C-alpha atoms as a PDB file:
ATOM      1  CA  UNK A   1     -33.292 -14.011  -7.665  1.00  0.00           C
ATOM      2  CA  UNK A   2     -33.304 -13.230  -3.937  1.00  0.00           C
ATOM      3  CA  UNK A   3     -36.480 -12.040  -2.248  1.00  0.00           C
ATOM      4  CA  UNK A   4     -35.064 -10.478   0.900  1.00  0.00           C
ATOM      5  CA  UNK A   5     -33.913  -6.868   0.621  1.00  0.00           C
ATOM      6  CA  UNK A   6     -30.490  -7.454   2.213  1.00  0.00           C
ATOM      7  CA  UNK A   7     -29.849 -10.418  -0.092  1.00  0.00           C
ATOM      8  CA  UNK A   8     -30.669  -8.235  -3.114  1.00  0.00           C
ATOM      9  CA  UNK A   9     -28.133  -5.694  -1.902  1.00  0.00           C
ATOM     10  CA  UNK A  10     -25.473  -8.384  -1.429  1.00  0.00           C
ATOM     11  CA  UNK A  11     -25.989  -9.466  -5.052  1.00  0.00           C
ATOM     12  CA  UNK A  12     -25.341  -5.878  -6.212  1.00  0.00           C
ATOM     13  CA  UNK A  13     -22.276  -5.511  -3.984  1.00  0.00           C
ATOM     14  CA  UNK A  14     -20.877  -8.871  -5.078  1.00  0.00           C
ATOM     15  CA  UNK A  15     -21.349  -7.925  -8.734  1.00  0.00           C
ATOM     16  CA  UNK A  16     -19.422  -4.651  -8.239  1.00  0.00           C
ATOM     17  CA  UNK A  17     -16.626  -6.439  -6.382  1.00  0.00           C
ATOM     18  CA  UNK A  18     -16.383  -9.062  -9.111  1.00  0.00           C
ATOM     19  CA  UNK A  19     -15.980  -6.415 -11.793  1.00  0.00           C
ATOM     20  CA  UNK A  20     -13.322  -4.635  -9.728  1.00  0.00           C
ATOM     21  CA  UNK A  21     -11.416  -7.872  -9.042  1.00  0.00           C
ATOM     22  CA  UNK A  22     -11.531  -8.954 -12.694  1.00  0.00           C
ATOM     23  CA  UNK A  23     -10.131  -5.580 -13.723  1.00  0.00           C
ATOM     24  CA  UNK A  24      -7.260  -5.937 -11.246  1.00  0.00           C
ATOM     25  CA  UNK A  25      -6.504  -9.505 -12.368  1.00  0.00           C
ATOM     26  CA  UNK A  26      -6.555  -8.464 -16.022  1.00  0.00           C
ATOM     27  CA  UNK A  27      -4.092  -5.636 -15.316  1.00  0.00           C
ATOM     28  CA  UNK A  28      -1.847  -8.036 -13.421  1.00  0.00           C
ATOM     29  CA  UNK A  29      -1.840 -10.597 -16.227  1.00  0.00           C
ATOM     30  CA  UNK A  30      -1.094  -7.975 -18.870  1.00  0.00           C
ATOM     31  CA  UNK A  31       1.778  -6.580 -16.776  1.00  0.00           C
ATOM     32  CA  UNK A  32       3.288 -10.058 -16.381  1.00  0.00           C
ATOM     33  CA  UNK A  33       2.918 -10.758 -20.116  1.00  0.00           C
ATOM     34  CA  UNK A  34       4.531  -7.433 -21.027  1.00  0.00           C
ATOM     35  CA  UNK A  35       7.469  -8.339 -18.769  1.00  0.00           C
ATOM     36  CA  UNK A  36       7.860 -11.679 -20.549  1.00  0.00           C
ATOM     37  CA  UNK A  37       7.714  -9.932 -23.916  1.00  0.00           C
ATOM     38  CA  UNK A  38      10.273  -7.363 -22.771  1.00  0.00           C
ATOM     39  CA  UNK A  39      12.612 -10.161 -21.690  1.00  0.00           C
ATOM     40  CA  UNK A  40      12.523 -11.760 -25.117  1.00  0.00           C
ATOM     41  CA  UNK A  41      12.947  -8.461 -26.959  1.00  0.00           C
ATOM     42  CA  UNK A  42      15.478  -7.077 -24.468  1.00  0.00           C
ATOM     43  CA  UNK A  43      13.979  -3.573 -24.458  1.00  0.00           C
ATOM     44  CA  UNK A  44      12.434  -1.923 -21.415  1.00  0.00           C
ATOM     45  CA  UNK A  45      12.635  -5.035 -19.275  1.00  0.00           C
ATOM     46  CA  UNK A  46      13.512  -3.186 -16.069  1.00  0.00           C
ATOM     47  CA  UNK A  47      10.525  -0.864 -16.455  1.00  0.00           C
ATOM     48  CA  UNK A  48       8.256  -3.812 -17.219  1.00  0.00           C
ATOM     49  CA  UNK A  49       9.583  -5.583 -14.130  1.00  0.00           C
ATOM     50  CA  UNK A  50       8.819  -2.552 -11.970  1.00  0.00           C
ATOM     51  CA  UNK A  51       5.296  -2.310 -13.413  1.00  0.00           C
ATOM     52  CA  UNK A  52       4.723  -6.015 -12.817  1.00  0.00           C
ATOM     53  CA  UNK A  53       5.834  -5.766  -9.209  1.00  0.00           C
ATOM     54  CA  UNK A  54       3.627  -2.715  -8.744  1.00  0.00           C
ATOM     55  CA  UNK A  55       0.649  -4.593 -10.206  1.00  0.00           C
ATOM     56  CA  UNK A  56       1.320  -7.479  -7.819  1.00  0.00           C
ATOM     57  CA  UNK A  57       1.421  -5.111  -4.853  1.00  0.00           C
ATOM     58  CA  UNK A  58      -1.854  -3.485  -5.911  1.00  0.00           C
ATOM     59  CA  UNK A  59      -3.529  -6.873  -6.274  1.00  0.00           C
ATOM     60  CA  UNK A  60      -2.434  -7.788  -2.748  1.00  0.00           C
ATOM     61  CA  UNK A  61      -3.630  -4.467  -1.387  1.00  0.00           C
ATOM     62  CA  UNK A  62      -7.064  -4.997  -2.930  1.00  0.00           C
ATOM     63  CA  UNK A  63      -7.233  -8.558  -1.633  1.00  0.00           C
ATOM     64  CA  UNK A  64      -7.305 -10.209  -5.060  1.00  0.00           C
ATOM     65  CA  UNK A  65      -4.276 -12.436  -4.421  1.00  0.00           C
ATOM     66  CA  UNK A  66      -2.525 -13.590  -1.263  1.00  0.00           C
ATOM     67  CA  UNK A  67       0.609 -11.755  -0.129  1.00  0.00           C
ATOM     68  CA  UNK A  68       2.696 -14.930  -0.184  1.00  0.00           C
ATOM     69  CA  UNK A  69       1.728 -15.601  -3.792  1.00  0.00           C
ATOM     70  CA  UNK A  70       2.752 -12.059  -4.706  1.00  0.00           C
ATOM     71  CA  UNK A  71       6.088 -12.515  -2.919  1.00  0.00           C
ATOM     72  CA  UNK A  72       6.672 -15.753  -4.818  1.00  0.00           C
ATOM     73  CA  UNK A  73       5.833 -14.120  -8.161  1.00  0.00           C
ATOM     74  CA  UNK A  74       8.111 -11.154  -7.429  1.00  0.00           C
ATOM     75  CA  UNK A  75      10.942 -13.547  -6.602  1.00  0.00           C
ATOM     76  CA  UNK A  76      10.347 -15.366  -9.886  1.00  0.00           C
ATOM     77  CA  UNK A  77      10.396 -12.069 -11.791  1.00  0.00           C
ATOM     78  CA  UNK A  78      13.674 -11.095 -10.154  1.00  0.00           C
ATOM     79  CA  UNK A  79      15.204 -14.481 -10.972  1.00  0.00           C
ATOM     80  CA  UNK A  80      14.163 -14.225 -14.630  1.00  0.00           C
ATOM     81  CA  UNK A  81      15.512 -10.692 -14.856  1.00  0.00           C
ATOM     82  CA  UNK A  82      18.805 -11.745 -13.287  1.00  0.00           C
ATOM     83  CA  UNK A  83      19.115 -14.702 -15.654  1.00  0.00           C
ATOM     84  CA  UNK A  84      18.533 -12.360 -18.586  1.00  0.00           C
ATOM     85  CA  UNK A  85      21.275 -10.066 -17.293  1.00  0.00           C
ATOM     86  CA  UNK A  86      19.035  -7.130 -16.435  1.00  0.00           C
ATOM     87  CA  UNK A  87      20.268  -5.014 -13.587  1.00  0.00           C
ATOM     88  CA  UNK A  88      17.643  -3.855 -11.150  1.00  0.00           C
ATOM     89  CA  UNK A  89      17.215  -0.126 -10.860  1.00  0.00           C
ATOM     90  CA  UNK A  90      16.272   1.501  -7.613  1.00  0.00           C
ATOM     91  CA  UNK A  91      12.830   3.043  -7.873  1.00  0.00           C
ATOM     92  CA  UNK A  92      13.061   4.918  -4.599  1.00  0.00           C
ATOM     93  CA  UNK A  93      13.775   8.598  -4.829  1.00  0.00           C
ATOM     94  CA  UNK A  94      16.477   9.986  -2.570  1.00  0.00           C
ATOM     95  CA  UNK A  95      15.175  11.759   0.474  1.00  0.00           C
ATOM     96  CA  UNK A  96      15.015  15.517   0.146  1.00  0.00           C
ATOM     97  CA  UNK A  97      17.580  17.293   2.260  1.00  0.00           C
ATOM     98  CA  UNK A  98      16.095  19.494   4.927  1.00  0.00           C
ATOM     99  CA  UNK A  99      17.548  22.846   5.813  1.00  0.00           C
ATOM    100  CA  UNK A 100      19.325  22.716   9.168  1.00  0.00           C
ATOM    101  CA  UNK A 101      17.142  23.933  12.003  1.00  0.00           C
ATOM    102  CA  UNK A 102      18.131  27.244  13.482  1.00  0.00           C
ATOM    103  CA  UNK A 103      19.505  26.933  16.975  1.00  0.00           C
ATOM    104  CA  UNK A 104      17.317  28.628  19.551  1.00  0.00           C
ATOM    105  CA  UNK A 105      19.173  31.012  21.817  1.00  0.00           C
ATOM    106  CA  UNK A 106      19.274  29.759  25.365  1.00  0.00           C
ATOM    107  CA  UNK A 107      17.917  32.144  27.936  1.00  0.00           C
ATOM    108  CA  UNK A 108      18.360  32.099  31.651  1.00  0.00           C
ATOM    109  CA  UNK A 109      14.921  33.535  32.291  1.00  0.00           C
ATOM    110  CA  UNK A 110      12.351  31.097  33.553  1.00  0.00           C
ATOM    111  CA  UNK A 111       9.292  30.682  31.414  1.00  0.00           C
ATOM    112  CA  UNK A 112       5.963  31.752  32.770  1.00  0.00           C
ATOM    113  CA  UNK A 113       4.070  29.075  34.630  1.00  0.00           C
ATOM    114  CA  UNK A 114       1.381  27.389  32.599  1.00  0.00           C
ATOM    115  CA  UNK A 115      -2.204  28.049  33.510  1.00  0.00           C
ATOM    116  CA  UNK A 116      -3.642  25.194  35.448  1.00  0.00           C
ATOM    117  CA  UNK A 117      -6.744  23.745  33.892  1.00  0.00           C
ATOM    118  CA  UNK A 118      -9.663  23.028  36.160  1.00  0.00           C
ATOM    119  CA  UNK A 119     -10.472  19.363  36.418  1.00  0.00           C
ATOM    120  CA  UNK A 120     -13.981  18.067  36.271  1.00  0.00           C
ATOM    121  CA  UNK A 121     -15.311  16.661  39.526  1.00  0.00           C
ATOM    122  CA  UNK A 122     -15.174  12.898  39.792  1.00  0.00           C
ATOM    123  CA  UNK A 123     -18.321  11.019  38.949  1.00  0.00           C
ATOM    124  CA  UNK A 124     -20.372   9.940  41.920  1.00  0.00           C
ATOM    125  CA  UNK A 125     -20.305   6.295  42.688  1.00  0.00           C
ATOM    126  CA  UNK A 126     -23.649   4.683  43.092  1.00  0.00           C
ATOM    127  CA  UNK A 127     -24.154   1.535  45.044  1.00  0.00           C
ATOM    128  CA  UNK A 128     -26.951  -0.920  44.500  1.00  0.00           C
ATOM    129  CA  UNK A 129     -29.275  -1.404  47.444  1.00  0.00           C
END
């Protein structure tokens, strides 16, 4: 057991981080296993693939796994899904259409001049003697 106060705090922080990382890893493993199970059963494989990829992205965001490892795993998932004949579904929602902006009428009048803001005086330069 550490004696120094800062070392005691680091033990507490490390313990919290370990619990958080284990939870993320467990979620990732279960998502990957559910994808494998969905491939063999043939039901809900595309949803399981999306959840697996999402779990990989979350693990990368939290710093549990490296981004290159996640990219490799996602590529493997896609290859397995393609081999099983599962078509990928786009998860992105279409962008909402905005109402066209109303055209402002052009006027020939000149706009009023903006008020000039007073500038602060420059700081005095001091020289060392």
